[in-house]
Amino acid sequence: MSLVKAKEYLKKFGLDKNVIEFSESTATVREAAEALNCEDAQIAKTMAFLVDDSPILIIASGDKKIDNSKFKQTFHTKAKMVPFDELETLIGHAAGGVCPFGIHDGVKVYLDVSLKEFDTVYPACGTSNSAVKLTLEELEKASDYLEYVDVCKKPEN
């Protein structure tokens, strides 16, 4: 159902044709990157957090991790992920398929600046064996994001 909902949502932007379904799992960044034959960093991973008891989504480059101090500075609260078993209820998609397409009303979406180093990214598309190939501009339009944030750790040299 989540894949259908995400595809229907993407159809409004003419992007449903970019959805890719796999026979194997693409639930993790590594699995998705292997299936798509791309770098882990090109996977646009969607992470769900609770801010003032409301769910938000942060989409970041697949090889990045949240920097707790940057998160707190940006959202004025400690980073608290939505519990695994509450994702579908609060966001509209289950773990492994969380994406900003076809989500519940009121879920705020933010894009992390780490995505800006790529022309093309691959977010999930509602299930643990789907993805959608999007340019950054297409992701910006289709995600209905509020703003870019800088909440990920910088790479260690």
N, C-alpha and C. Protein backbone atom coordinates (compact mmCIF):
# COMPACT_ATOMS: atom_id res chain seq x y z
N MET A 1 0.82 -1.20 0.00
CA MET A 1 0.00 0.00 0.00
C MET A 1 0.86 1.26 0.00
N SER A 2 1.95 1.24 0.78
CA SER A 2 2.82 2.42 0.85
C SER A 2 3.45 2.76 -0.49
N LEU A 3 3.83 1.73 -1.25
CA LEU A 3 4.41 1.96 -2.58
C LEU A 3 3.37 2.62 -3.48
N VAL A 4 2.15 2.13 -3.44
CA VAL A 4 1.08 2.70 -4.26
C VAL A 4 0.85 4.16 -3.87
N LYS A 5 0.81 4.43 -2.58
CA LYS A 5 0.59 5.79 -2.08
C LYS A 5 1.73 6.72 -2.52
N ALA A 6 2.97 6.26 -2.41
CA ALA A 6 4.13 7.06 -2.81
C ALA A 6 4.12 7.30 -4.33
N LYS A 7 3.81 6.27 -5.11
CA LYS A 7 3.77 6.42 -6.56
C LYS A 7 2.67 7.39 -6.99
N GLU A 8 1.51 7.28 -6.37
CA GLU A 8 0.40 8.20 -6.68
C GLU A 8 0.82 9.64 -6.39
N TYR A 9 1.49 9.84 -5.27
CA TYR A 9 1.96 11.17 -4.90
C TYR A 9 2.96 11.68 -5.95
N LEU A 10 3.91 10.84 -6.34
CA LEU A 10 4.94 11.22 -7.31
C LEU A 10 4.34 11.49 -8.70
N LYS A 11 3.21 10.87 -9.00
CA LYS A 11 2.56 11.05 -10.29
C LYS A 11 2.19 12.52 -10.51
N LYS A 12 1.86 13.24 -9.44
CA LYS A 12 1.52 14.67 -9.54
C LYS A 12 2.66 15.49 -10.11
N PHE A 13 3.88 14.98 -9.97
CA PHE A 13 5.08 15.68 -10.44
C PHE A 13 5.65 15.02 -11.70
N GLY A 14 4.97 14.00 -12.21
CA GLY A 14 5.46 13.27 -13.37
C GLY A 14 6.68 12.43 -13.06
N LEU A 15 6.83 12.04 -11.79
CA LEU A 15 8.03 11.31 -11.37
C LEU A 15 7.77 9.84 -11.05
N ASP A 16 6.54 9.39 -11.18
CA ASP A 16 6.22 7.99 -10.88
C ASP A 16 6.96 7.03 -11.80
N LYS A 17 7.31 7.49 -13.00
CA LYS A 17 8.05 6.64 -13.94
C LYS A 17 9.49 6.39 -13.48
N ASN A 18 9.96 7.17 -12.51
CA ASN A 18 11.32 7.02 -12.00
C ASN A 18 11.44 6.01 -10.87
N VAL A 19 10.31 5.43 -10.46
CA VAL A 19 10.31 4.46 -9.36
C VAL A 19 10.90 3.14 -9.83
N ILE A 20 11.76 2.57 -9.00
CA ILE A 20 12.42 1.31 -9.30
C ILE A 20 12.04 0.32 -8.22
N GLU A 21 11.55 -0.86 -8.61
CA GLU A 21 11.23 -1.92 -7.65
C GLU A 21 12.26 -3.03 -7.79
N PHE A 22 12.61 -3.62 -6.66
CA PHE A 22 13.63 -4.67 -6.63
C PHE A 22 13.06 -5.95 -6.05
N SER A 23 13.63 -7.08 -6.43
CA SER A 23 13.22 -8.36 -5.83
C SER A 23 13.91 -8.55 -4.48
N GLU A 24 15.06 -7.87 -4.30
CA GLU A 24 15.79 -7.97 -3.03
C GLU A 24 15.54 -6.73 -2.17
N SER A 25 15.91 -6.83 -0.91
CA SER A 25 15.73 -5.73 0.03
C SER A 25 16.66 -4.56 -0.30
N THR A 26 16.10 -3.37 -0.18
CA THR A 26 16.89 -2.14 -0.28
C THR A 26 16.64 -1.30 0.97
N ALA A 27 16.35 -1.98 2.08
CA ALA A 27 15.96 -1.32 3.33
C ALA A 27 17.11 -0.54 3.97
N THR A 28 18.34 -0.99 3.77
CA THR A 28 19.48 -0.27 4.34
C THR A 28 20.19 0.51 3.24
N VAL A 29 20.97 1.48 3.64
CA VAL A 29 21.74 2.27 2.67
C VAL A 29 22.64 1.35 1.84
N ARG A 30 23.32 0.42 2.50
CA ARG A 30 24.24 -0.48 1.80
C ARG A 30 23.50 -1.33 0.78
N GLU A 31 22.36 -1.92 1.20
CA GLU A 31 21.58 -2.76 0.28
C GLU A 31 21.09 -1.95 -0.91
N ALA A 32 20.61 -0.74 -0.66
CA ALA A 32 20.11 0.11 -1.73
C ALA A 32 21.23 0.49 -2.70
N ALA A 33 22.39 0.87 -2.16
CA ALA A 33 23.51 1.25 -3.01
C ALA A 33 23.97 0.09 -3.87
N GLU A 34 24.00 -1.12 -3.31
CA GLU A 34 24.40 -2.31 -4.10
C GLU A 34 23.38 -2.58 -5.21
N ALA A 35 22.09 -2.51 -4.88
CA ALA A 35 21.05 -2.77 -5.87
C ALA A 35 21.06 -1.73 -6.99
N LEU A 36 21.37 -0.49 -6.64
CA LEU A 36 21.37 0.60 -7.61
C LEU A 36 22.73 0.84 -8.27
N ASN A 37 23.74 0.12 -7.79
CA ASN A 37 25.11 0.26 -8.31
C ASN A 37 25.58 1.71 -8.22
N CYS A 38 25.44 2.29 -7.01
CA CYS A 38 25.88 3.66 -6.79
C CYS A 38 26.59 3.74 -5.43
N GLU A 39 27.09 4.90 -5.12
CA GLU A 39 27.76 5.12 -3.83
C GLU A 39 26.71 5.17 -2.71
N ASP A 40 27.13 4.74 -1.50
CA ASP A 40 26.25 4.86 -0.34
C ASP A 40 25.76 6.30 -0.18
N ALA A 41 26.64 7.25 -0.44
CA ALA A 41 26.33 8.67 -0.24
C ALA A 41 25.18 9.15 -1.13
N GLN A 42 24.96 8.49 -2.30
CA GLN A 42 23.89 8.91 -3.21
C GLN A 42 22.51 8.44 -2.77
N ILE A 43 22.47 7.54 -1.79
CA ILE A 43 21.18 7.12 -1.25
C ILE A 43 20.69 8.25 -0.35
N ALA A 44 19.51 8.75 -0.63
CA ALA A 44 18.93 9.84 0.17
C ALA A 44 18.14 9.18 1.30
N LYS A 45 18.82 8.97 2.42
CA LYS A 45 18.14 8.27 3.52
C LYS A 45 17.24 9.23 4.28
N THR A 46 16.08 8.72 4.62
CA THR A 46 15.08 9.51 5.31
C THR A 46 14.99 9.04 6.75
N MET A 47 15.27 9.95 7.67
CA MET A 47 15.24 9.64 9.10
C MET A 47 14.09 10.39 9.76
N ALA A 48 13.37 9.70 10.64
CA ALA A 48 12.20 10.27 11.30
C ALA A 48 12.51 10.56 12.77
N PHE A 49 12.21 11.79 13.18
CA PHE A 49 12.46 12.24 14.55
C PHE A 49 11.19 12.84 15.13
N LEU A 50 11.17 12.94 16.46
CA LEU A 50 10.08 13.64 17.14
C LEU A 50 10.61 14.96 17.66
N VAL A 51 9.95 16.03 17.30
CA VAL A 51 10.29 17.37 17.78
C VAL A 51 9.01 17.94 18.39
N ASP A 52 9.05 18.21 19.67
CA ASP A 52 7.83 18.67 20.39
C ASP A 52 6.67 17.71 20.14
N ASP A 53 6.96 16.42 20.21
CA ASP A 53 5.98 15.34 20.04
C ASP A 53 5.37 15.27 18.64
N SER A 54 5.92 16.01 17.69
CA SER A 54 5.46 15.94 16.30
C SER A 54 6.54 15.30 15.44
N PRO A 55 6.15 14.43 14.50
CA PRO A 55 7.15 13.79 13.65
C PRO A 55 7.69 14.73 12.58
N ILE A 56 8.98 14.65 12.34
CA ILE A 56 9.63 15.36 11.23
C ILE A 56 10.48 14.35 10.47
N LEU A 57 10.77 14.66 9.23
CA LEU A 57 11.68 13.85 8.42
C LEU A 57 12.88 14.68 8.05
N ILE A 58 14.05 14.07 8.14
CA ILE A 58 15.28 14.68 7.66
C ILE A 58 15.85 13.74 6.60
N ILE A 59 16.06 14.27 5.41
CA ILE A 59 16.63 13.48 4.33
C ILE A 59 18.08 13.91 4.18
N ALA A 60 18.98 12.93 4.25
CA ALA A 60 20.41 13.22 4.22
C ALA A 60 21.13 12.23 3.31
N SER A 61 22.33 12.56 2.96
CA SER A 61 23.19 11.67 2.20
C SER A 61 23.38 10.38 2.98
N GLY A 62 23.32 9.26 2.28
CA GLY A 62 23.34 7.94 2.92
C GLY A 62 24.53 7.61 3.77
N ASP A 63 25.64 8.28 3.57
CA ASP A 63 26.84 7.97 4.36
C ASP A 63 26.98 8.88 5.58
N LYS A 64 26.01 9.72 5.84
CA LYS A 64 26.11 10.68 6.95
C LYS A 64 25.33 10.21 8.16
N LYS A 65 25.77 10.70 9.33
CA LYS A 65 25.09 10.43 10.59
C LYS A 65 24.69 11.77 11.22
N ILE A 66 23.66 11.74 12.03
CA ILE A 66 23.19 12.94 12.71
C ILE A 66 24.23 13.39 13.75
N ASP A 67 24.49 14.66 13.78
CA ASP A 67 25.34 15.28 14.80
C ASP A 67 24.38 15.82 15.86
N ASN A 68 24.40 15.20 17.04
CA ASN A 68 23.42 15.55 18.08
C ASN A 68 23.46 17.01 18.49
N SER A 69 24.64 17.59 18.55
CA SER A 69 24.71 19.00 18.95
C SER A 69 24.15 19.91 17.86
N LYS A 70 24.41 19.61 16.59
CA LYS A 70 23.84 20.40 15.50
C LYS A 70 22.31 20.26 15.46
N PHE A 71 21.83 19.05 15.72
CA PHE A 71 20.39 18.81 15.73
C PHE A 71 19.75 19.67 16.82
N LYS A 72 20.35 19.63 18.01
CA LYS A 72 19.78 20.39 19.14
C LYS A 72 19.83 21.89 18.86
N GLN A 73 20.90 22.35 18.25
CA GLN A 73 21.03 23.77 17.91
C GLN A 73 19.96 24.18 16.89
N THR A 74 19.66 23.30 15.95
CA THR A 74 18.68 23.61 14.90
C THR A 74 17.23 23.49 15.39
N PHE A 75 16.93 22.40 16.12
CA PHE A 75 15.54 22.12 16.50
C PHE A 75 15.23 22.38 17.98
N HIS A 76 16.25 22.82 18.72
CA HIS A 76 16.08 23.20 20.13
C HIS A 76 15.57 22.06 21.01
N THR A 77 15.94 20.85 20.65
CA THR A 77 15.59 19.67 21.43
C THR A 77 16.58 18.57 21.09
N LYS A 78 16.66 17.60 21.95
CA LYS A 78 17.54 16.44 21.73
C LYS A 78 16.98 15.60 20.58
N ALA A 79 17.88 15.03 19.78
CA ALA A 79 17.47 14.17 18.67
C ALA A 79 16.86 12.88 19.22
N LYS A 80 15.58 12.70 18.95
CA LYS A 80 14.87 11.50 19.40
C LYS A 80 14.17 10.90 18.19
N MET A 81 14.65 9.73 17.77
CA MET A 81 14.07 9.09 16.59
C MET A 81 12.68 8.55 16.90
N VAL A 82 11.83 8.54 15.89
CA VAL A 82 10.51 7.93 16.02
C VAL A 82 10.74 6.43 16.26
N PRO A 83 10.11 5.85 17.27
CA PRO A 83 10.28 4.41 17.50
C PRO A 83 9.88 3.59 16.27
N PHE A 84 10.65 2.55 16.02
CA PHE A 84 10.49 1.66 14.88
C PHE A 84 9.03 1.26 14.66
N ASP A 85 8.35 0.85 15.72
CA ASP A 85 6.98 0.35 15.59
C ASP A 85 5.93 1.45 15.45
N GLU A 86 6.35 2.72 15.49
CA GLU A 86 5.41 3.83 15.34
C GLU A 86 5.57 4.57 14.01
N LEU A 87 6.56 4.15 13.20
CA LEU A 87 6.83 4.85 11.93
C LEU A 87 5.61 4.90 11.02
N GLU A 88 5.00 3.76 10.80
CA GLU A 88 3.87 3.72 9.87
C GLU A 88 2.70 4.56 10.38
N THR A 89 2.45 4.51 11.68
CA THR A 89 1.36 5.27 12.28
C THR A 89 1.60 6.77 12.20
N LEU A 90 2.84 7.20 12.51
CA LEU A 90 3.14 8.63 12.57
C LEU A 90 3.52 9.24 11.22
N ILE A 91 4.19 8.46 10.37
CA ILE A 91 4.71 8.99 9.10
C ILE A 91 3.86 8.55 7.91
N GLY A 92 3.49 7.27 7.90
CA GLY A 92 2.74 6.74 6.77
C GLY A 92 3.47 5.64 6.03
N HIS A 93 4.73 5.39 6.39
CA HIS A 93 5.52 4.33 5.79
C HIS A 93 6.25 3.57 6.89
N ALA A 94 6.47 2.28 6.67
CA ALA A 94 7.18 1.45 7.64
C ALA A 94 8.69 1.56 7.45
N ALA A 95 9.43 1.09 8.44
CA ALA A 95 10.90 1.12 8.39
C ALA A 95 11.40 0.45 7.11
N GLY A 96 12.43 1.04 6.53
CA GLY A 96 13.01 0.53 5.30
C GLY A 96 12.41 1.17 4.06
N GLY A 97 11.24 1.79 4.21
CA GLY A 97 10.59 2.44 3.07
C GLY A 97 10.21 3.88 3.36
N VAL A 98 10.68 4.40 4.50
CA VAL A 98 10.31 5.77 4.87
C VAL A 98 10.87 6.74 3.82
N CYS A 99 9.98 7.61 3.35
CA CYS A 99 10.32 8.60 2.34
C CYS A 99 9.36 9.77 2.50
N PRO A 100 9.61 10.89 1.86
CA PRO A 100 8.73 12.05 2.00
C PRO A 100 7.53 12.06 1.04
N PHE A 101 7.29 10.96 0.36
CA PHE A 101 6.25 10.92 -0.67
C PHE A 101 5.02 10.16 -0.16
N GLY A 102 3.88 10.85 -0.15
CA GLY A 102 2.66 10.19 0.30
C GLY A 102 2.60 10.01 1.81
N ILE A 103 3.19 10.95 2.53
CA ILE A 103 3.21 10.86 4.00
C ILE A 103 1.97 11.53 4.58
N HIS A 104 1.78 11.34 5.89
CA HIS A 104 0.63 11.94 6.57
C HIS A 104 0.75 13.46 6.56
N ASP A 105 -0.37 14.12 6.54
CA ASP A 105 -0.41 15.58 6.63
C ASP A 105 0.23 16.03 7.94
N GLY A 106 0.93 17.14 7.88
CA GLY A 106 1.52 17.72 9.08
C GLY A 106 2.93 17.26 9.39
N VAL A 107 3.45 16.26 8.66
CA VAL A 107 4.83 15.82 8.88
C VAL A 107 5.74 16.79 8.13
N LYS A 108 6.59 17.47 8.88
CA LYS A 108 7.50 18.46 8.27
C LYS A 108 8.72 17.75 7.70
N VAL A 109 9.17 18.22 6.54
CA VAL A 109 10.30 17.60 5.84
C VAL A 109 11.43 18.61 5.71
N TYR A 110 12.64 18.17 6.05
CA TYR A 110 13.85 18.99 5.93
C TYR A 110 14.87 18.21 5.10
N LEU A 111 15.63 18.92 4.29
CA LEU A 111 16.72 18.33 3.53
C LEU A 111 18.03 18.77 4.15
N ASP A 112 18.93 17.81 4.35
CA ASP A 112 20.24 18.15 4.89
C ASP A 112 21.15 18.62 3.76
N VAL A 113 22.02 19.56 4.08
CA VAL A 113 22.93 20.13 3.08
C VAL A 113 23.85 19.08 2.46
N SER A 114 24.01 17.94 3.12
CA SER A 114 24.87 16.87 2.59
C SER A 114 24.38 16.37 1.23
N LEU A 115 23.12 16.56 0.91
CA LEU A 115 22.58 16.13 -0.39
C LEU A 115 23.08 16.99 -1.55
N LYS A 116 23.51 18.20 -1.24
CA LYS A 116 23.86 19.16 -2.30
C LYS A 116 25.09 18.79 -3.11
N GLU A 117 25.83 17.78 -2.69
CA GLU A 117 27.01 17.39 -3.47
C GLU A 117 26.67 16.46 -4.63
N PHE A 118 25.39 16.11 -4.77
CA PHE A 118 24.98 15.18 -5.83
C PHE A 118 23.94 15.80 -6.75
N ASP A 119 24.02 15.45 -8.02
CA ASP A 119 22.99 15.86 -8.99
C ASP A 119 21.81 14.90 -8.92
N THR A 120 22.09 13.61 -8.68
CA THR A 120 21.07 12.58 -8.65
C THR A 120 21.15 11.83 -7.32
N VAL A 121 19.99 11.60 -6.71
CA VAL A 121 19.93 10.85 -5.45
C VAL A 121 18.82 9.82 -5.56
N TYR A 122 18.83 8.86 -4.61
CA TYR A 122 17.88 7.76 -4.63
C TYR A 122 17.22 7.58 -3.26
N PRO A 123 16.09 8.23 -3.02
CA PRO A 123 15.37 7.95 -1.78
C PRO A 123 14.54 6.66 -1.94
N ALA A 124 14.12 6.10 -0.80
CA ALA A 124 13.19 4.97 -0.82
C ALA A 124 11.87 5.47 -1.39
N CYS A 125 10.97 4.51 -1.65
CA CYS A 125 9.68 4.89 -2.22
C CYS A 125 8.54 4.12 -1.55
N GLY A 126 8.56 4.09 -0.22
CA GLY A 126 7.44 3.54 0.52
C GLY A 126 7.57 2.10 0.97
N THR A 127 8.51 1.35 0.39
CA THR A 127 8.70 -0.04 0.80
C THR A 127 10.19 -0.34 0.95
N SER A 128 10.48 -1.51 1.51
CA SER A 128 11.88 -1.90 1.74
C SER A 128 12.52 -2.54 0.52
N ASN A 129 11.86 -2.44 -0.63
CA ASN A 129 12.48 -2.92 -1.87
C ASN A 129 12.15 -2.00 -3.05
N SER A 130 12.17 -0.69 -2.75
CA SER A 130 11.90 0.28 -3.82
C SER A 130 12.77 1.52 -3.62
N ALA A 131 12.94 2.24 -4.70
CA ALA A 131 13.67 3.51 -4.69
C ALA A 131 13.13 4.36 -5.83
N VAL A 132 13.50 5.62 -5.82
CA VAL A 132 13.12 6.50 -6.93
C VAL A 132 14.34 7.35 -7.28
N LYS A 133 14.66 7.38 -8.57
CA LYS A 133 15.80 8.16 -9.05
C LYS A 133 15.33 9.59 -9.29
N LEU A 134 15.95 10.54 -8.56
CA LEU A 134 15.55 11.94 -8.67
C LEU A 134 16.76 12.86 -8.76
N THR A 135 16.62 13.92 -9.52
CA THR A 135 17.62 14.98 -9.43
C THR A 135 17.36 15.69 -8.11
N LEU A 136 18.32 16.45 -7.66
CA LEU A 136 18.13 17.20 -6.42
C LEU A 136 16.95 18.16 -6.56
N GLU A 137 16.84 18.78 -7.72
CA GLU A 137 15.72 19.71 -7.97
C GLU A 137 14.37 18.98 -7.90
N GLU A 138 14.30 17.77 -8.45
CA GLU A 138 13.07 16.99 -8.38
C GLU A 138 12.74 16.61 -6.93
N LEU A 139 13.77 16.24 -6.16
CA LEU A 139 13.57 15.92 -4.74
C LEU A 139 13.04 17.13 -3.99
N GLU A 140 13.62 18.28 -4.27
CA GLU A 140 13.16 19.52 -3.61
C GLU A 140 11.67 19.75 -3.88
N LYS A 141 11.27 19.62 -5.13
CA LYS A 141 9.86 19.85 -5.49
C LYS A 141 8.94 18.80 -4.88
N ALA A 142 9.30 17.53 -5.05
CA ALA A 142 8.41 16.44 -4.64
C ALA A 142 8.37 16.23 -3.13
N SER A 143 9.40 16.64 -2.41
CA SER A 143 9.43 16.40 -0.96
C SER A 143 8.65 17.45 -0.18
N ASP A 144 8.33 18.57 -0.82
CA ASP A 144 7.64 19.67 -0.15
C ASP A 144 8.40 20.06 1.13
N TYR A 145 9.73 20.14 0.99
CA TYR A 145 10.58 20.42 2.15
C TYR A 145 10.42 21.87 2.62
N LEU A 146 10.67 22.07 3.90
CA LEU A 146 10.57 23.42 4.47
C LEU A 146 11.84 24.21 4.25
N GLU A 147 12.98 23.56 4.49
CA GLU A 147 14.27 24.24 4.33
C GLU A 147 15.41 23.24 4.37
N TYR A 148 16.57 23.70 3.95
CA TYR A 148 17.79 22.92 4.13
C TYR A 148 18.30 23.15 5.54
N VAL A 149 18.79 22.08 6.16
CA VAL A 149 19.39 22.17 7.49
C VAL A 149 20.78 21.54 7.42
N ASP A 150 21.60 21.84 8.40
CA ASP A 150 22.94 21.27 8.49
C ASP A 150 23.02 20.54 9.83
N VAL A 151 22.59 19.28 9.85
CA VAL A 151 22.52 18.53 11.11
C VAL A 151 23.32 17.22 11.08
N CYS A 152 24.16 17.04 10.08
CA CYS A 152 24.96 15.83 10.00
C CYS A 152 26.42 16.09 10.37
N LYS A 153 27.07 15.02 10.81
CA LYS A 153 28.49 15.10 11.16
C LYS A 153 29.30 15.33 9.90
N LYS A 154 30.35 16.10 10.05
CA LYS A 154 31.28 16.30 8.94
C LYS A 154 32.18 15.07 8.82
N PRO A 155 32.59 14.71 7.61
CA PRO A 155 33.47 13.54 7.46
C PRO A 155 34.81 13.77 8.16
N GLU A 156 35.29 12.69 8.75
CA GLU A 156 36.61 12.78 9.40
C GLU A 156 37.68 12.50 8.38
N ASN A 157 38.71 13.33 8.39
CA ASN A 157 39.79 13.16 7.41
C ASN A 157 40.84 12.23 7.91
